[in-house]
């Protein structure tokens, strides 16, 4: 919530430079309320930011999931195996969250 888009671009760039994005097998981004280009900064649209950083990876990726800080909010357990269908915008847990 309340995040300037140039900062999202900077975070994605940092992840790419650290080699993290090159290791992902899929990306799900939630929604961002009260987000915008920021004052005094040129800014890409969210679609351009994700296309620039995620499309070259060739992994399923989509934005608009009901995760993150907005409402309604669903929780995804860290480390659980899931299947992502970016075309349908679905996430299916393929194992239990508690082992």
PDB file of N, CA and C in Angstrom:
ATOM      1  N   UNK A   1       0.832  -1.173   0.000  1.00  0.00           N
ATOM      2  CA  UNK A   1       0.000   0.000   0.000  1.00  0.00           C
ATOM      3  C   UNK A   1       0.882   1.245   0.000  1.00  0.00           C
ATOM      4  N   UNK A   2       0.410   2.272  -0.615  1.00  0.00           N
ATOM      5  CA  UNK A   2       1.050   3.582  -0.580  1.00  0.00           C
ATOM      6  C   UNK A   2       2.524   3.507  -0.972  1.00  0.00           C
ATOM      7  N   UNK A   3       2.788   2.933  -2.116  1.00  0.00           N
ATOM      8  CA  UNK A   3       4.173   2.782  -2.585  1.00  0.00           C
ATOM      9  C   UNK A   3       4.276   3.414  -3.961  1.00  0.00           C
ATOM     10  N   UNK A   4       5.287   4.238  -4.161  1.00  0.00           N
ATOM     11  CA  UNK A   4       5.503   4.832  -5.480  1.00  0.00           C
ATOM     12  C   UNK A   4       6.042   3.755  -6.422  1.00  0.00           C
ATOM     13  N   UNK A   5       5.578   3.793  -7.681  1.00  0.00           N
ATOM     14  CA  UNK A   5       5.962   2.756  -8.629  1.00  0.00           C
ATOM     15  C   UNK A   5       7.452   2.748  -8.932  1.00  0.00           C
ATOM     16  N   UNK A   6       8.086   3.922  -8.876  1.00  0.00           N
ATOM     17  CA  UNK A   6       9.529   3.924  -9.126  1.00  0.00           C
ATOM     18  C   UNK A   6      10.260   3.105  -8.052  1.00  0.00           C
ATOM     19  N   UNK A   7       9.694   3.055  -6.848  1.00  0.00           N
ATOM     20  CA  UNK A   7      10.313   2.259  -5.786  1.00  0.00           C
ATOM     21  C   UNK A   7      10.135   0.762  -6.045  1.00  0.00           C
ATOM     22  N   UNK A   8       8.983   0.374  -6.610  1.00  0.00           N
ATOM     23  CA  UNK A   8       8.778  -1.030  -6.989  1.00  0.00           C
ATOM     24  C   UNK A   8       9.801  -1.416  -8.058  1.00  0.00           C
ATOM     25  N   UNK A   9       9.998  -0.518  -9.038  1.00  0.00           N
ATOM     26  CA  UNK A   9      10.989  -0.768 -10.087  1.00  0.00           C
ATOM     27  C   UNK A   9      12.381  -0.917  -9.476  1.00  0.00           C
ATOM     28  N   UNK A  10      12.702  -0.072  -8.515  1.00  0.00           N
ATOM     29  CA  UNK A  10      14.009  -0.146  -7.854  1.00  0.00           C
ATOM     30  C   UNK A  10      14.166  -1.460  -7.095  1.00  0.00           C
ATOM     31  N   UNK A  11      13.109  -1.903  -6.421  1.00  0.00           N
ATOM     32  CA  UNK A  11      13.174  -3.177  -5.688  1.00  0.00           C
ATOM     33  C   UNK A  11      13.379  -4.345  -6.647  1.00  0.00           C
ATOM     34  N   UNK A  12      12.660  -4.323  -7.769  1.00  0.00           N
ATOM     35  CA  UNK A  12      12.812  -5.392  -8.756  1.00  0.00           C
ATOM     36  C   UNK A  12      14.225  -5.382  -9.350  1.00  0.00           C
ATOM     37  N   UNK A  13      14.763  -4.187  -9.594  1.00  0.00           N
ATOM     38  CA  UNK A  13      16.128  -4.064 -10.110  1.00  0.00           C
ATOM     39  C   UNK A  13      17.128  -4.622  -9.105  1.00  0.00           C
ATOM     40  N   UNK A  14      16.934  -4.327  -7.828  1.00  0.00           N
ATOM     41  CA  UNK A  14      17.819  -4.840  -6.784  1.00  0.00           C
ATOM     42  C   UNK A  14      17.785  -6.365  -6.735  1.00  0.00           C
ATOM     43  N   UNK A  15      16.575  -6.937  -6.843  1.00  0.00           N
ATOM     44  CA  UNK A  15      16.448  -8.397  -6.853  1.00  0.00           C
ATOM     45  C   UNK A  15      17.158  -9.004  -8.068  1.00  0.00           C
ATOM     46  N   UNK A  16      17.029  -8.338  -9.204  1.00  0.00           N
ATOM     47  CA  UNK A  16      17.686  -8.837 -10.422  1.00  0.00           C
ATOM     48  C   UNK A  16      19.206  -8.762 -10.279  1.00  0.00           C
ATOM     49  N   UNK A  17      19.726  -7.636  -9.790  1.00  0.00           N
ATOM     50  CA  UNK A  17      21.174  -7.473  -9.645  1.00  0.00           C
ATOM     51  C   UNK A  17      21.757  -8.426  -8.609  1.00  0.00           C
ATOM     52  N   UNK A  18      20.963  -8.801  -7.630  1.00  0.00           N
ATOM     53  CA  UNK A  18      21.414  -9.745  -6.598  1.00  0.00           C
ATOM     54  C   UNK A  18      21.321 -11.197  -7.072  1.00  0.00           C
ATOM     55  N   UNK A  19      20.768 -11.415  -8.266  1.00  0.00           N
ATOM     56  CA  UNK A  19      20.645 -12.767  -8.797  1.00  0.00           C
ATOM     57  C   UNK A  19      19.426 -13.523  -8.314  1.00  0.00           C
ATOM     58  N   UNK A  20      18.569 -12.867  -7.561  1.00  0.00           N
ATOM     59  CA  UNK A  20      17.381 -13.532  -7.009  1.00  0.00           C
ATOM     60  C   UNK A  20      16.359 -13.828  -8.096  1.00  0.00           C
ATOM     61  N   UNK A  21      16.094 -12.859  -8.964  1.00  0.00           N
ATOM     62  CA  UNK A  21      15.065 -13.071 -10.002  1.00  0.00           C
ATOM     63  C   UNK A  21      15.438 -14.211 -10.943  1.00  0.00           C
ATOM     64  N   UNK A  22      16.711 -14.396 -11.169  1.00  0.00           N
ATOM     65  CA  UNK A  22      17.143 -15.481 -12.043  1.00  0.00           C
ATOM     66  C   UNK A  22      16.887 -16.868 -11.483  1.00  0.00           C
ATOM     67  N   UNK A  23      16.526 -16.949 -10.202  1.00  0.00           N
ATOM     68  CA  UNK A  23      16.292 -18.239  -9.558  1.00  0.00           C
ATOM     69  C   UNK A  23      14.817 -18.549  -9.349  1.00  0.00           C
ATOM     70  N   UNK A  24      13.931 -17.586  -9.601  1.00  0.00           N
ATOM     71  CA  UNK A  24      12.513 -17.826  -9.340  1.00  0.00           C
ATOM     72  C   UNK A  24      11.915 -18.757 -10.384  1.00  0.00           C
ATOM     73  N   UNK A  25      10.889 -19.478  -9.962  1.00  0.00           N
ATOM     74  CA  UNK A  25      10.185 -20.387 -10.881  1.00  0.00           C
ATOM     75  C   UNK A  25       8.790 -19.865 -11.173  1.00  0.00           C
ATOM     76  N   UNK A  26       8.424 -18.757 -10.537  1.00  0.00           N
ATOM     77  CA  UNK A  26       7.145 -18.103 -10.767  1.00  0.00           C
ATOM     78  C   UNK A  26       7.048 -16.889  -9.862  1.00  0.00           C
ATOM     79  N   UNK A  27       6.206 -15.938 -10.255  1.00  0.00           N
ATOM     80  CA  UNK A  27       6.044 -14.711  -9.478  1.00  0.00           C
ATOM     81  C   UNK A  27       4.567 -14.357  -9.400  1.00  0.00           C
ATOM     82  N   UNK A  28       4.138 -14.050  -8.184  1.00  0.00           N
ATOM     83  CA  UNK A  28       2.771 -13.574  -7.972  1.00  0.00           C
ATOM     84  C   UNK A  28       2.872 -12.239  -7.248  1.00  0.00           C
ATOM     85  N   UNK A  29       2.281 -11.222  -7.803  1.00  0.00           N
ATOM     86  CA  UNK A  29       2.279  -9.900  -7.178  1.00  0.00           C
ATOM     87  C   UNK A  29       0.845  -9.555  -6.813  1.00  0.00           C
ATOM     88  N   UNK A  30       0.673  -9.012  -5.647  1.00  0.00           N
ATOM     89  CA  UNK A  30      -0.661  -8.631  -5.195  1.00  0.00           C
ATOM     90  C   UNK A  30      -1.146  -7.346  -5.836  1.00  0.00           C
ATOM     91  N   UNK A  31      -2.024  -6.682  -5.141  1.00  0.00           N
ATOM     92  CA  UNK A  31      -2.533  -5.399  -5.606  1.00  0.00           C
ATOM     93  C   UNK A  31      -1.833  -4.294  -4.835  1.00  0.00           C
ATOM     94  N   UNK A  32      -1.892  -3.113  -5.353  1.00  0.00           N
ATOM     95  CA  UNK A  32      -1.250  -1.982  -4.712  1.00  0.00           C
ATOM     96  C   UNK A  32      -2.239  -0.823  -4.702  1.00  0.00           C
ATOM     97  N   UNK A  33      -2.753  -0.507  -3.514  1.00  0.00           N
ATOM     98  CA  UNK A  33      -3.665   0.620  -3.402  1.00  0.00           C
ATOM     99  C   UNK A  33      -2.877   1.876  -3.049  1.00  0.00           C
ATOM    100  N   UNK A  34      -3.364   2.984  -3.473  1.00  0.00           N
ATOM    101  CA  UNK A  34      -2.719   4.274  -3.212  1.00  0.00           C
ATOM    102  C   UNK A  34      -1.304   4.310  -3.761  1.00  0.00           C
ATOM    103  N   UNK A  35      -1.057   3.614  -4.840  1.00  0.00           N
ATOM    104  CA  UNK A  35       0.255   3.611  -5.475  1.00  0.00           C
ATOM    105  C   UNK A  35       0.187   4.486  -6.718  1.00  0.00           C
ATOM    106  N   UNK A  36       1.289   5.080  -7.050  1.00  0.00           N
ATOM    107  CA  UNK A  36       1.304   5.923  -8.233  1.00  0.00           C
ATOM    108  C   UNK A  36       2.720   6.206  -8.668  1.00  0.00           C
ATOM    109  N   UNK A  37       2.865   7.094  -9.643  1.00  0.00           N
ATOM    110  CA  UNK A  37       4.185   7.366 -10.188  1.00  0.00           C
ATOM    111  C   UNK A  37       5.115   8.116  -9.238  1.00  0.00           C
ATOM    112  N   UNK A  38       4.591   8.773  -8.232  1.00  0.00           N
ATOM    113  CA  UNK A  38       5.427   9.553  -7.319  1.00  0.00           C
ATOM    114  C   UNK A  38       5.662  10.946  -7.864  1.00  0.00           C
ATOM    115  N   UNK A  39       5.801  11.881  -6.986  1.00  0.00           N
ATOM    116  CA  UNK A  39       5.990  13.266  -7.408  1.00  0.00           C
ATOM    117  C   UNK A  39       7.412  13.494  -7.877  1.00  0.00           C
ATOM    118  N   UNK A  40       7.529  14.173  -9.018  1.00  0.00           N
ATOM    119  CA  UNK A  40       8.837  14.551  -9.513  1.00  0.00           C
ATOM    120  C   UNK A  40       9.643  13.440 -10.148  1.00  0.00           C
ATOM    121  N   UNK A  41       9.066  12.273 -10.296  1.00  0.00           N
ATOM    122  CA  UNK A  41       9.803  11.159 -10.876  1.00  0.00           C
ATOM    123  C   UNK A  41       9.097  10.677 -12.129  1.00  0.00           C
ATOM    124  N   UNK A  42       9.887  10.391 -13.159  1.00  0.00           N
ATOM    125  CA  UNK A  42       9.322   9.709 -14.312  1.00  0.00           C
ATOM    126  C   UNK A  42       9.064   8.279 -13.867  1.00  0.00           C
ATOM    127  N   UNK A  43       7.980   7.705 -14.317  1.00  0.00           N
ATOM    128  CA  UNK A  43       7.666   6.373 -13.831  1.00  0.00           C
ATOM    129  C   UNK A  43       7.045   5.534 -14.921  1.00  0.00           C
ATOM    130  N   UNK A  44       7.403   4.276 -14.886  1.00  0.00           N
ATOM    131  CA  UNK A  44       6.757   3.308 -15.752  1.00  0.00           C
ATOM    132  C   UNK A  44       5.430   2.920 -15.130  1.00  0.00           C
ATOM    133  N   UNK A  45       4.570   2.328 -15.933  1.00  0.00           N
ATOM    134  CA  UNK A  45       3.338   1.762 -15.401  1.00  0.00           C
ATOM    135  C   UNK A  45       3.696   0.432 -14.742  1.00  0.00           C
ATOM    136  N   UNK A  46       2.822  -0.068 -13.870  1.00  0.00           N
ATOM    137  CA  UNK A  46       3.091  -1.384 -13.281  1.00  0.00           C
ATOM    138  C   UNK A  46       3.288  -2.457 -14.349  1.00  0.00           C
ATOM    139  N   UNK A  47       2.488  -2.409 -15.399  1.00  0.00           N
ATOM    140  CA  UNK A  47       2.606  -3.409 -16.473  1.00  0.00           C
ATOM    141  C   UNK A  47       3.975  -3.344 -17.133  1.00  0.00           C
ATOM    142  N   UNK A  48       4.498  -2.134 -17.330  1.00  0.00           N
ATOM    143  CA  UNK A  48       5.819  -1.990 -17.940  1.00  0.00           C
ATOM    144  C   UNK A  48       6.926  -2.487 -17.006  1.00  0.00           C
ATOM    145  N   UNK A  49       6.777  -2.205 -15.720  1.00  0.00           N
ATOM    146  CA  UNK A  49       7.774  -2.662 -14.746  1.00  0.00           C
ATOM    147  C   UNK A  49       7.848  -4.181 -14.729  1.00  0.00           C
ATOM    148  N   UNK A  50       6.692  -4.831 -14.660  1.00  0.00           N
ATOM    149  CA  UNK A  50       6.695  -6.292 -14.596  1.00  0.00           C
ATOM    150  C   UNK A  50       7.125  -6.911 -15.915  1.00  0.00           C
ATOM    151  N   UNK A  51       6.722  -6.317 -17.027  1.00  0.00           N
ATOM    152  CA  UNK A  51       7.153  -6.835 -18.327  1.00  0.00           C
ATOM    153  C   UNK A  51       8.669  -6.735 -18.457  1.00  0.00           C
ATOM    154  N   UNK A  52       9.246  -5.631 -18.010  1.00  0.00           N
ATOM    155  CA  UNK A  52      10.683  -5.414 -18.115  1.00  0.00           C
ATOM    156  C   UNK A  52      11.462  -6.405 -17.256  1.00  0.00           C
ATOM    157  N   UNK A  53      10.990  -6.662 -16.061  1.00  0.00           N
ATOM    158  CA  UNK A  53      11.739  -7.505 -15.128  1.00  0.00           C
ATOM    159  C   UNK A  53      11.372  -8.991 -15.187  1.00  0.00           C
ATOM    160  N   UNK A  54      10.118  -9.293 -15.479  1.00  0.00           N
ATOM    161  CA  UNK A  54       9.662 -10.679 -15.365  1.00  0.00           C
ATOM    162  C   UNK A  54       9.527 -11.415 -16.693  1.00  0.00           C
ATOM    163  N   UNK A  55       9.109 -10.738 -17.739  1.00  0.00           N
ATOM    164  CA  UNK A  55       8.912 -11.416 -19.028  1.00  0.00           C
ATOM    165  C   UNK A  55      10.181 -12.135 -19.506  1.00  0.00           C
ATOM    166  N   UNK A  56      11.373 -11.526 -19.371  1.00  0.00           N
ATOM    167  CA  UNK A  56      12.583 -12.227 -19.830  1.00  0.00           C
ATOM    168  C   UNK A  56      12.880 -13.519 -19.066  1.00  0.00           C
ATOM    169  N   UNK A  57      12.285 -13.682 -17.897  1.00  0.00           N
ATOM    170  CA  UNK A  57      12.557 -14.876 -17.098  1.00  0.00           C
ATOM    171  C   UNK A  57      11.875 -16.118 -17.657  1.00  0.00           C
ATOM    172  N   UNK A  58      10.785 -15.929 -18.406  1.00  0.00           N
ATOM    173  CA  UNK A  58      10.072 -17.067 -18.987  1.00  0.00           C
ATOM    174  C   UNK A  58       9.382 -17.944 -17.958  1.00  0.00           C
ATOM    175  N   UNK A  59       8.994 -17.367 -16.826  1.00  0.00           N
ATOM    176  CA  UNK A  59       8.295 -18.115 -15.780  1.00  0.00           C
ATOM    177  C   UNK A  59       6.875 -17.570 -15.662  1.00  0.00           C
ATOM    178  N   UNK A  60       5.954 -18.375 -15.108  1.00  0.00           N
ATOM    179  CA  UNK A  60       4.609 -17.845 -14.908  1.00  0.00           C
ATOM    180  C   UNK A  60       4.650 -16.661 -13.949  1.00  0.00           C
ATOM    181  N   UNK A  61       4.005 -15.574 -14.327  1.00  0.00           N
ATOM    182  CA  UNK A  61       3.978 -14.371 -13.492  1.00  0.00           C
ATOM    183  C   UNK A  61       2.685 -13.614 -13.748  1.00  0.00           C
ATOM    184  N   UNK A  62       2.102 -13.127 -12.661  1.00  0.00           N
ATOM    185  CA  UNK A  62       0.905 -12.303 -12.810  1.00  0.00           C
ATOM    186  C   UNK A  62       0.756 -11.375 -11.623  1.00  0.00           C
ATOM    187  N   UNK A  63       0.021 -10.309 -11.831  1.00  0.00           N
ATOM    188  CA  UNK A  63      -0.234  -9.351 -10.767  1.00  0.00           C
ATOM    189  C   UNK A  63      -1.739  -9.224 -10.551  1.00  0.00           C
ATOM    190  N   UNK A  64      -2.102  -8.789  -9.353  1.00  0.00           N
ATOM    191  CA  UNK A  64      -3.513  -8.620  -9.039  1.00  0.00           C
ATOM    192  C   UNK A  64      -4.051  -9.670  -8.090  1.00  0.00           C
ATOM    193  N   UNK A  65      -3.169 -10.494  -7.547  1.00  0.00           N
ATOM    194  CA  UNK A  65      -3.604 -11.525  -6.604  1.00  0.00           C
ATOM    195  C   UNK A  65      -4.057 -10.874  -5.294  1.00  0.00           C
ATOM    196  N   UNK A  66      -4.931 -11.539  -4.585  1.00  0.00           N
ATOM    197  CA  UNK A  66      -5.431 -11.021  -3.310  1.00  0.00           C
ATOM    198  C   UNK A  66      -4.471 -11.401  -2.181  1.00  0.00           C
ATOM    199  N   UNK A  67      -3.216 -10.985  -2.332  1.00  0.00           N
ATOM    200  CA  UNK A  67      -2.186 -11.226  -1.316  1.00  0.00           C
ATOM    201  C   UNK A  67      -1.509  -9.893  -1.018  1.00  0.00           C
ATOM    202  N   UNK A  68      -0.764  -9.831   0.026  1.00  0.00           N
ATOM    203  CA  UNK A  68      -0.047  -8.605   0.349  1.00  0.00           C
ATOM    204  C   UNK A  68      -0.692  -7.871   1.508  1.00  0.00           C
ATOM    205  N   UNK A  69      -0.732  -6.554   1.386  1.00  0.00           N
ATOM    206  CA  UNK A  69      -1.211  -5.714   2.485  1.00  0.00           C
ATOM    207  C   UNK A  69      -2.633  -5.205   2.291  1.00  0.00           C
ATOM    208  N   UNK A  70      -3.212  -5.375   1.100  1.00  0.00           N
ATOM    209  CA  UNK A  70      -4.564  -4.869   0.834  1.00  0.00           C
ATOM    210  C   UNK A  70      -5.642  -5.813   1.322  1.00  0.00           C
ATOM    211  N   UNK A  71      -6.867  -5.410   1.132  1.00  0.00           N
ATOM    212  CA  UNK A  71      -8.027  -6.222   1.534  1.00  0.00           C
ATOM    213  C   UNK A  71      -8.890  -6.485   0.298  1.00  0.00           C
ATOM    214  N   UNK A  72      -9.466  -7.633   0.098  1.00  0.00           N
ATOM    215  CA  UNK A  72      -9.315  -8.815   0.932  1.00  0.00           C
ATOM    216  C   UNK A  72      -7.909  -9.385   0.797  1.00  0.00           C
ATOM    217  N   UNK A  73      -7.511 -10.139   1.767  1.00  0.00           N
ATOM    218  CA  UNK A  73      -6.137 -10.617   1.826  1.00  0.00           C
ATOM    219  C   UNK A  73      -6.086 -12.106   2.135  1.00  0.00           C
ATOM    220  N   UNK A  74      -5.429 -12.861   1.286  1.00  0.00           N
ATOM    221  CA  UNK A  74      -5.196 -14.283   1.511  1.00  0.00           C
ATOM    222  C   UNK A  74      -3.739 -14.471   1.869  1.00  0.00           C
ATOM    223  N   UNK A  75      -3.444 -15.485   2.614  1.00  0.00           N
ATOM    224  CA  UNK A  75      -2.079 -15.756   3.047  1.00  0.00           C
ATOM    225  C   UNK A  75      -1.525 -16.954   2.294  1.00  0.00           C
ATOM    226  N   UNK A  76      -0.312 -16.817   1.817  1.00  0.00           N
ATOM    227  CA  UNK A  76       0.408 -17.925   1.196  1.00  0.00           C
ATOM    228  C   UNK A  76       1.553 -18.313   2.124  1.00  0.00           C
ATOM    229  N   UNK A  77       1.639 -19.568   2.519  1.00  0.00           N
ATOM    230  CA  UNK A  77       2.730 -19.983   3.404  1.00  0.00           C
ATOM    231  C   UNK A  77       4.067 -19.971   2.676  1.00  0.00           C
ATOM    232  N   UNK A  78       5.073 -19.484   3.342  1.00  0.00           N
ATOM    233  CA  UNK A  78       6.412 -19.436   2.769  1.00  0.00           C
ATOM    234  C   UNK A  78       6.975 -20.852   2.694  1.00  0.00           C
ATOM    235  N   UNK A  79       7.504 -21.211   1.533  1.00  0.00           N
ATOM    236  CA  UNK A  79       8.146 -22.503   1.368  1.00  0.00           C
ATOM    237  C   UNK A  79       7.248 -23.632   0.920  1.00  0.00           C
ATOM    238  N   UNK A  80       5.933 -23.427   0.889  1.00  0.00           N
ATOM    239  CA  UNK A  80       5.027 -24.487   0.432  1.00  0.00           C
ATOM    240  C   UNK A  80       5.081 -24.580  -1.095  1.00  0.00           C
ATOM    241  N   UNK A  81       4.955 -25.780  -1.603  1.00  0.00           N
ATOM    242  CA  UNK A  81       4.931 -25.960  -3.053  1.00  0.00           C
ATOM    243  C   UNK A  81       3.558 -25.580  -3.591  1.00  0.00           C
ATOM    244  N   UNK A  82       3.565 -24.813  -4.677  1.00  0.00           N
ATOM    245  CA  UNK A  82       2.331 -24.392  -5.320  1.00  0.00           C
ATOM    246  C   UNK A  82       2.480 -24.542  -6.823  1.00  0.00           C
ATOM    247  N   UNK A  83       1.351 -24.565  -7.502  1.00  0.00           N
ATOM    248  CA  UNK A  83       1.318 -24.514  -8.958  1.00  0.00           C
ATOM    249  C   UNK A  83       0.664 -23.198  -9.346  1.00  0.00           C
ATOM    250  N   UNK A  84       1.334 -22.449 -10.213  1.00  0.00           N
ATOM    251  CA  UNK A  84       0.838 -21.148 -10.655  1.00  0.00           C
ATOM    252  C   UNK A  84       0.354 -21.270 -12.089  1.00  0.00           C
ATOM    253  N   UNK A  85      -0.848 -20.802 -12.349  1.00  0.00           N
ATOM    254  CA  UNK A  85      -1.347 -20.667 -13.716  1.00  0.00           C
ATOM    255  C   UNK A  85      -1.553 -19.175 -13.951  1.00  0.00           C
ATOM    256  N   UNK A  86      -0.569 -18.537 -14.582  1.00  0.00           N
ATOM    257  CA  UNK A  86      -0.621 -17.098 -14.784  1.00  0.00           C
ATOM    258  C   UNK A  86      -1.716 -16.698 -15.767  1.00  0.00           C
ATOM    259  N   UNK A  87      -2.068 -17.576 -16.685  1.00  0.00           N
ATOM    260  CA  UNK A  87      -3.131 -17.266 -17.638  1.00  0.00           C
ATOM    261  C   UNK A  87      -4.475 -17.171 -16.935  1.00  0.00           C
ATOM    262  N   UNK A  88      -4.754 -18.128 -16.062  1.00  0.00           N
ATOM    263  CA  UNK A  88      -6.015 -18.120 -15.316  1.00  0.00           C
ATOM    264  C   UNK A  88      -5.941 -17.273 -14.051  1.00  0.00           C
ATOM    265  N   UNK A  89      -4.734 -16.941 -13.612  1.00  0.00           N
ATOM    266  CA  UNK A  89      -4.568 -16.191 -12.372  1.00  0.00           C
ATOM    267  C   UNK A  89      -4.901 -17.028 -11.154  1.00  0.00           C
ATOM    268  N   UNK A  90      -4.391 -18.257 -11.125  1.00  0.00           N
ATOM    269  CA  UNK A  90      -4.684 -19.138  -9.994  1.00  0.00           C
ATOM    270  C   UNK A  90      -3.399 -19.639  -9.349  1.00  0.00           C
ATOM    271  N   UNK A  91      -3.513 -19.931  -8.066  1.00  0.00           N
ATOM    272  CA  UNK A  91      -2.445 -20.554  -7.301  1.00  0.00           C
ATOM    273  C   UNK A  91      -3.059 -21.747  -6.602  1.00  0.00           C
ATOM    274  N   UNK A  92      -2.484 -22.920  -6.809  1.00  0.00           N
ATOM    275  CA  UNK A  92      -2.989 -24.132  -6.173  1.00  0.00           C
ATOM    276  C   UNK A  92      -1.887 -24.724  -5.309  1.00  0.00           C
ATOM    277  N   UNK A  93      -2.186 -24.886  -4.031  1.00  0.00           N
ATOM    278  CA  UNK A  93      -1.197 -25.513  -3.155  1.00  0.00           C
ATOM    279  C   UNK A  93      -1.135 -26.998  -3.489  1.00  0.00           C
ATOM    280  N   UNK A  94       0.081 -27.499  -3.696  1.00  0.00           N
ATOM    281  CA  UNK A  94       0.252 -28.908  -4.063  1.00  0.00           C
ATOM    282  C   UNK A  94       0.717 -29.759  -2.894  1.00  0.00           C
ATOM    283  N   UNK A  95       0.838 -29.139  -1.735  1.00  0.00           N
ATOM    284  CA  UNK A  95       1.166 -29.865  -0.513  1.00  0.00           C
ATOM    285  C   UNK A  95       0.608 -29.077   0.666  1.00  0.00           C
ATOM    286  N   UNK A  96       0.514 -29.716   1.783  1.00  0.00           N
ATOM    287  CA  UNK A  96       0.023 -29.045   2.977  1.00  0.00           C
ATOM    288  C   UNK A  96       0.992 -27.973   3.460  1.00  0.00           C
ATOM    289  N   UNK A  97       0.472 -26.978   4.126  1.00  0.00           N
ATOM    290  CA  UNK A  97       1.308 -25.884   4.619  1.00  0.00           C
ATOM    291  C   UNK A  97       2.076 -26.283   5.872  1.00  0.00           C
ATOM    292  N   UNK A  98       1.597 -27.286   6.575  1.00  0.00           N
ATOM    293  CA  UNK A  98       2.254 -27.733   7.802  1.00  0.00           C
ATOM    294  C   UNK A  98       2.772 -29.138   7.581  1.00  0.00           C
ATOM    295  N   UNK A  99       4.006 -29.381   7.923  1.00  0.00           N
ATOM    296  CA  UNK A  99       4.594 -30.701   7.717  1.00  0.00           C
ATOM    297  C   UNK A  99       4.871 -31.344   9.037  1.00  0.00           C
TER     298      UNK A  99
END
